Protein backbone atom coordinates (compact mmCIF):
# COMPACT_ATOMS: atom_id res chain seq x y z
CA UNK A 1 6.65 -78.39 -13.88
CA UNK A 2 6.55 -80.71 -10.90
CA UNK A 3 6.14 -83.94 -12.86
CA UNK A 4 8.56 -83.42 -15.73
CA UNK A 5 9.97 -86.72 -17.07
CA UNK A 6 7.45 -88.78 -15.06
CA UNK A 7 5.00 -91.28 -16.52
CA UNK A 8 1.58 -91.60 -14.91
CA UNK A 9 -1.21 -94.11 -15.31
CA UNK A 10 -4.64 -92.82 -14.25
CA UNK A 11 -7.53 -95.29 -14.22
CA UNK A 12 -11.10 -94.19 -14.78
CA UNK A 13 -9.67 -91.14 -16.53
CA UNK A 14 -12.10 -90.72 -19.42
CA UNK A 15 -14.26 -88.42 -17.28
CA UNK A 16 -14.74 -86.80 -13.89
CA UNK A 17 -11.98 -86.80 -11.29
CA UNK A 18 -9.70 -89.06 -13.32
CA UNK A 19 -9.84 -86.78 -16.35
CA UNK A 20 -9.09 -83.72 -14.22
CA UNK A 21 -6.08 -85.45 -12.63
CA UNK A 22 -4.77 -86.54 -16.04
CA UNK A 23 -5.01 -82.98 -17.35
CA UNK A 24 -3.31 -81.59 -14.24
CA UNK A 25 -0.49 -84.13 -14.56
CA UNK A 26 0.01 -83.22 -18.21
CA UNK A 27 0.22 -79.51 -17.32
CA UNK A 28 2.91 -80.42 -14.80
CA UNK A 29 4.96 -82.17 -17.49
CA UNK A 30 4.02 -85.84 -17.03
CA UNK A 31 3.42 -88.30 -19.82
CA UNK A 32 -0.04 -89.69 -19.07
CA UNK A 33 -1.80 -92.95 -19.84
CA UNK A 34 -5.58 -92.53 -19.82
CA UNK A 35 -6.84 -95.95 -18.73
CA UNK A 36 -10.58 -96.51 -18.90
CA UNK A 37 -13.22 -99.07 -19.76
CA UNK A 38 -14.39 -96.51 -22.34
CA UNK A 39 -11.71 -96.67 -25.05
CA UNK A 40 -13.23 -93.82 -27.06
CA UNK A 41 -13.40 -91.61 -23.98
CA UNK A 42 -9.80 -92.44 -23.08
CA UNK A 43 -8.66 -91.58 -26.59
CA UNK A 44 -10.58 -88.29 -26.45
CA UNK A 45 -8.82 -87.19 -23.27
CA UNK A 46 -5.46 -88.28 -24.68
CA UNK A 47 -6.13 -86.21 -27.80
CA UNK A 48 -7.06 -83.24 -25.62
CA UNK A 49 -3.72 -83.48 -23.82
CA UNK A 50 -1.84 -83.77 -27.10
CA UNK A 51 -3.54 -80.61 -28.40
CA UNK A 52 -2.16 -78.82 -25.35
CA UNK A 53 1.33 -79.98 -26.25
CA UNK A 54 1.53 -82.91 -23.86
CA UNK A 55 2.18 -86.62 -24.29
CA UNK A 56 -0.65 -89.06 -23.67
CA UNK A 57 -2.05 -92.40 -24.76
CA UNK A 58 -5.49 -93.91 -24.32
CA UNK A 59 -5.64 -97.45 -22.95
CA UNK A 60 -8.72 -99.68 -22.86
CA UNK A 61 -8.74 -101.22 -19.39
CA UNK A 62 -11.24 -103.12 -17.34
CA UNK A 63 -9.52 -102.90 -13.96
CA UNK A 64 -11.16 -106.16 -12.83
CA UNK A 65 -9.57 -108.15 -15.70
CA UNK A 66 -6.14 -109.44 -14.64
CA UNK A 67 -4.80 -110.02 -18.15
CA UNK A 68 -6.09 -106.69 -19.45
CA UNK A 69 -4.52 -104.80 -16.54
CA UNK A 70 -1.15 -106.56 -16.82
CA UNK A 71 -1.02 -106.15 -20.60
CA UNK A 72 -2.18 -102.54 -20.46
CA UNK A 73 0.39 -101.47 -17.87
CA UNK A 74 3.15 -103.32 -19.75
CA UNK A 75 2.20 -101.51 -22.98
CA UNK A 76 2.23 -98.15 -21.22
CA UNK A 77 5.66 -98.83 -19.75
CA UNK A 78 7.01 -99.81 -23.17
CA UNK A 79 5.45 -96.83 -24.95
CA UNK A 80 6.18 -94.11 -22.38
CA UNK A 81 9.35 -95.35 -20.72
CA UNK A 82 8.18 -96.91 -17.48
CA UNK A 83 5.61 -96.20 -14.79
CA UNK A 84 6.37 -93.65 -12.08
CA UNK A 85 2.88 -92.78 -10.84
CA UNK A 86 -0.29 -94.81 -10.53
CA UNK A 87 -3.62 -93.22 -9.67
CA UNK A 88 -6.15 -95.95 -8.89
CA UNK A 89 -9.29 -93.93 -9.48
CA UNK A 90 -11.75 -96.17 -11.35
CA UNK A 91 -14.96 -96.58 -9.41
CA UNK A 92 -18.74 -96.76 -9.53
CA UNK A 93 -21.58 -96.23 -7.09
CA UNK A 94 -24.69 -98.35 -6.46
CA UNK A 95 -27.01 -97.51 -3.57
CA UNK A 96 -29.57 -99.75 -1.84
CA UNK A 97 -30.55 -100.51 1.73
CA UNK A 98 -28.34 -103.36 2.91
CA UNK A 99 -31.22 -105.81 3.26
CA UNK A 100 -32.12 -105.22 -0.38
CA UNK A 101 -28.60 -105.11 -1.80
CA UNK A 102 -28.18 -107.67 -4.61
CA UNK A 103 -25.15 -109.88 -3.98
CA UNK A 104 -24.11 -109.41 -7.62
CA UNK A 105 -23.95 -105.63 -7.10
CA UNK A 106 -21.97 -106.09 -3.87
CA UNK A 107 -19.41 -108.22 -5.72
CA UNK A 108 -19.29 -105.77 -8.64
CA UNK A 109 -18.58 -102.84 -6.34
CA UNK A 110 -15.79 -104.61 -4.46
CA UNK A 111 -14.29 -105.96 -7.68
CA UNK A 112 -13.97 -102.53 -9.28
CA UNK A 113 -12.77 -100.66 -6.20
CA UNK A 114 -10.61 -103.28 -4.46
CA UNK A 115 -9.70 -105.91 -7.05
CA UNK A 116 -9.01 -103.08 -9.49
CA UNK A 117 -6.77 -101.29 -7.01
CA UNK A 118 -4.89 -104.52 -6.27
CA UNK A 119 -4.39 -105.52 -9.90
CA UNK A 120 -3.26 -102.10 -11.11
CA UNK A 121 -0.98 -101.68 -8.10
CA UNK A 122 0.67 -105.05 -8.62
CA UNK A 123 1.25 -104.37 -12.31
CA UNK A 124 2.62 -100.86 -11.69
CA UNK A 125 4.87 -101.93 -8.80
CA UNK A 126 6.62 -104.47 -11.00
CA UNK A 127 7.77 -101.64 -13.25
CA UNK A 128 8.53 -99.24 -10.39
CA UNK A 129 10.70 -101.83 -8.65
CA UNK A 130 12.49 -102.78 -11.86
CA UNK A 131 13.27 -99.19 -12.84
CA UNK A 132 14.80 -98.35 -9.44
CA UNK A 133 13.39 -94.81 -9.84
CA UNK A 134 10.89 -95.16 -7.02
CA UNK A 135 7.32 -94.15 -7.54
CA UNK A 136 4.02 -92.94 -6.13
CA UNK A 137 0.84 -94.98 -5.82
CA UNK A 138 -2.27 -92.91 -5.15
CA UNK A 139 -5.66 -94.36 -4.28
CA UNK A 140 -8.91 -92.49 -4.72
CA UNK A 141 -10.59 -93.05 -1.41
CA UNK A 142 -13.39 -90.94 -0.01
CA UNK A 143 -14.59 -89.39 3.20
CA UNK A 144 -16.34 -92.77 3.27
CA UNK A 145 -12.89 -94.24 3.90
CA UNK A 146 -13.35 -92.70 7.36
CA UNK A 147 -17.11 -92.59 7.91
CA UNK A 148 -20.21 -94.51 6.89
CA UNK A 149 -23.49 -93.47 5.31
CA UNK A 150 -26.77 -95.34 4.82
CA UNK A 151 -27.36 -97.16 1.53
CA UNK A 152 -23.65 -97.47 0.69
CA UNK A 153 -22.44 -100.62 2.45
CA UNK A 154 -20.16 -101.97 -0.32
CA UNK A 155 -18.82 -98.52 -1.22
CA UNK A 156 -17.95 -97.76 2.40
CA UNK A 157 -16.42 -101.22 2.80
CA UNK A 158 -14.30 -100.80 -0.33
CA UNK A 159 -13.13 -97.29 0.53
CA UNK A 160 -12.13 -98.42 4.01
CA UNK A 161 -10.27 -101.31 2.41
CA UNK A 162 -8.16 -98.95 0.31
CA UNK A 163 -6.61 -97.58 3.50
CA UNK A 164 -5.36 -101.05 4.39
CA UNK A 165 -4.01 -101.71 0.91
CA UNK A 166 -2.27 -98.35 0.89
CA UNK A 167 -0.54 -99.02 4.19
CA UNK A 168 0.63 -102.43 3.03
CA UNK A 169 2.02 -100.95 -0.19
CA UNK A 170 3.78 -98.22 1.80
CA UNK A 171 5.52 -100.89 3.89
CA UNK A 172 6.47 -103.15 0.99
CA UNK A 173 7.35 -100.34 -1.41
CA UNK A 174 9.62 -98.40 0.95
CA UNK A 175 12.82 -100.33 0.15
CA UNK A 176 12.24 -99.47 -3.52
CA UNK A 177 11.48 -95.79 -2.95
CA UNK A 178 7.76 -96.25 -3.62
CA UNK A 179 5.27 -94.19 -1.62
CA UNK A 180 1.55 -94.91 -1.30
CA UNK A 181 -1.18 -92.52 -0.13
CA UNK A 182 -4.95 -92.09 -0.29
CA UNK A 183 -6.96 -89.02 -1.29
CA UNK A 184 -10.31 -88.84 0.52
CA UNK A 185 -12.59 -86.33 -1.22
CA UNK A 186 -15.97 -85.17 -0.07
CA UNK A 187 -18.80 -85.00 -2.57
CA UNK A 188 -17.63 -83.80 -5.99
CA UNK A 189 -20.20 -82.90 -8.66
CA UNK A 190 -19.31 -85.65 -11.10
CA UNK A 191 -21.72 -87.87 -13.09
CA UNK A 192 -21.26 -90.44 -10.31
CA UNK A 193 -22.55 -88.03 -7.67
CA UNK A 194 -25.27 -86.58 -9.90
CA UNK A 195 -26.60 -90.09 -10.37
CA UNK A 196 -26.78 -90.61 -6.60
CA UNK A 197 -28.95 -87.56 -5.92
CA UNK A 198 -32.23 -88.88 -7.38
CA UNK A 199 -31.43 -92.41 -6.19
CA UNK A 200 -31.01 -91.27 -2.60
CA UNK A 201 -34.04 -88.99 -2.82
CA UNK A 202 -36.16 -91.96 -3.87
CA UNK A 203 -34.67 -94.35 -1.31
CA UNK A 204 -35.02 -91.89 1.58
CA UNK A 205 -38.31 -90.32 0.54
CA UNK A 206 -36.96 -86.76 0.46
CA UNK A 207 -36.40 -84.14 -2.23
CA UNK A 208 -33.24 -83.94 -4.31
CA UNK A 209 -32.54 -80.51 -2.81
CA UNK A 210 -32.67 -82.06 0.66
CA UNK A 211 -30.28 -84.80 -0.42
CA UNK A 212 -27.76 -82.11 -1.35
CA UNK A 213 -28.26 -79.80 1.62
CA UNK A 214 -29.17 -82.21 4.43
CA UNK A 215 -27.08 -85.25 3.50
CA UNK A 216 -24.25 -84.51 1.10
CA UNK A 217 -23.17 -81.09 2.34
CA UNK A 218 -24.70 -81.01 5.81
CA UNK A 219 -21.43 -81.47 7.70
CA UNK A 220 -19.18 -79.27 5.56
CA UNK A 221 -18.06 -75.98 7.06
CA UNK A 222 -19.37 -73.90 4.16
CA UNK A 223 -22.02 -75.94 2.33
CA UNK A 224 -19.80 -76.32 -0.72
CA UNK A 225 -19.04 -79.27 -2.95
CA UNK A 226 -15.42 -80.31 -3.29
CA UNK A 227 -14.22 -79.39 -6.79
CA UNK A 228 -12.42 -81.45 -9.39
CA UNK A 229 -9.52 -78.99 -9.15
CA UNK A 230 -9.31 -79.51 -5.37
CA UNK A 231 -8.82 -83.25 -5.84
CA UNK A 232 -6.44 -82.88 -8.78
CA UNK A 233 -4.16 -80.58 -6.78
CA UNK A 234 -3.96 -83.18 -4.01
CA UNK A 235 -3.04 -85.78 -6.63
CA UNK A 236 -0.28 -83.55 -8.00
CA UNK A 237 1.08 -83.06 -4.48
CA UNK A 238 1.23 -86.79 -3.74
CA UNK A 239 2.79 -87.52 -7.14
CA UNK A 240 5.38 -84.79 -7.12
CA UNK A 241 6.64 -84.02 -3.63
CA UNK A 242 10.29 -84.77 -2.96
CA UNK A 243 10.06 -86.45 0.43
CA UNK A 244 9.64 -90.12 1.28
CA UNK A 245 8.39 -89.17 4.75
CA UNK A 246 4.75 -88.89 3.70
CA UNK A 247 3.62 -92.41 2.89
CA UNK A 248 0.82 -94.66 4.09
CA UNK A 249 -1.26 -91.55 4.76
CA UNK A 250 -4.69 -90.27 3.81
CA UNK A 251 -5.58 -86.68 2.97
CA UNK A 252 -9.18 -85.56 3.43
CA UNK A 253 -10.32 -83.00 0.85
CA UNK A 254 -13.86 -82.25 1.94
CA UNK A 255 -14.50 -78.66 3.07
CA UNK A 256 -14.22 -79.85 6.63
CA UNK A 257 -16.87 -82.56 6.35
CA UNK A 258 -14.59 -84.84 8.35
CA UNK A 259 -11.65 -83.64 10.42
CA UNK A 260 -8.93 -85.65 12.12
C-alpha cells in the first residue's frame, strides 16, 4: 500500500478522473478528502470508499472561493491529521471560436483552473510546511498543456499556466520536501469530454464520429482514448514515489498523442 498513513485532498472528485484518483488512493491506503462543488456527490464517493474499508470525508468546495478553500483544507487537516497530497483536478470545459468567446466564460474558465489551483495549493502548502513531513502537489494538466486546439483558447491558456505554477511550487517547496508535478492526459471519456463531442461537431460542421476519429484521437498511436485508470495510476506514482528528484515535471498520458 504505497500511500499508507498519507492524507490526500482531491478536488473535483465527485466524478470522472477525480473520483478514480480518490478510489485509487484509498486502495493504496490513503485517507482521502473528496472536495467538490457537488456536496452530495462528494459524500457519495466518500461513502463508497468507506464501504471498501477506507477512510474518507466529503467536503463542499468551490475552488474559486478563497474562504471556502482555506476553511475546507483546514477542516480536512484537523479531521484526517494533516495534508500530504493535493490533487488539483477540478475543471470545466467551454468551447467557442475565440472571436465569439464571451468574456464571462473566459474568466470562469481561468478562475476554476488557475485560481482554483493557486488557492488549493496555497492552503495545502501551509499544512505541508507546518507538518515537516513533505508532500506532493499534483496538477491535472492536459496534452493541451503542451499543444493547442481550435475553440479552446481559455482551456489551453489555463493548462499551459499550470506548468508555470507547478515549476514555481517545485522551487519554493523543495526546502520543505514538497514536490510538484503535472499529469497531462489525452482525451478521457468523462462527462466533460462527452459534452465536447456534440459541441465541437456543431462548431466545426462535422459529425460526432469525425470529432472522435479525426480530432480527438487522430494523433494517437492506436486510436484509443486514455482511460481513467491510466490517469489514476500516474497520480498514484506522483503521490507515492520515494524520490525528491522528480519535481517540476509533466507526464504525458495520451497513447502517444504528443511525445517529447
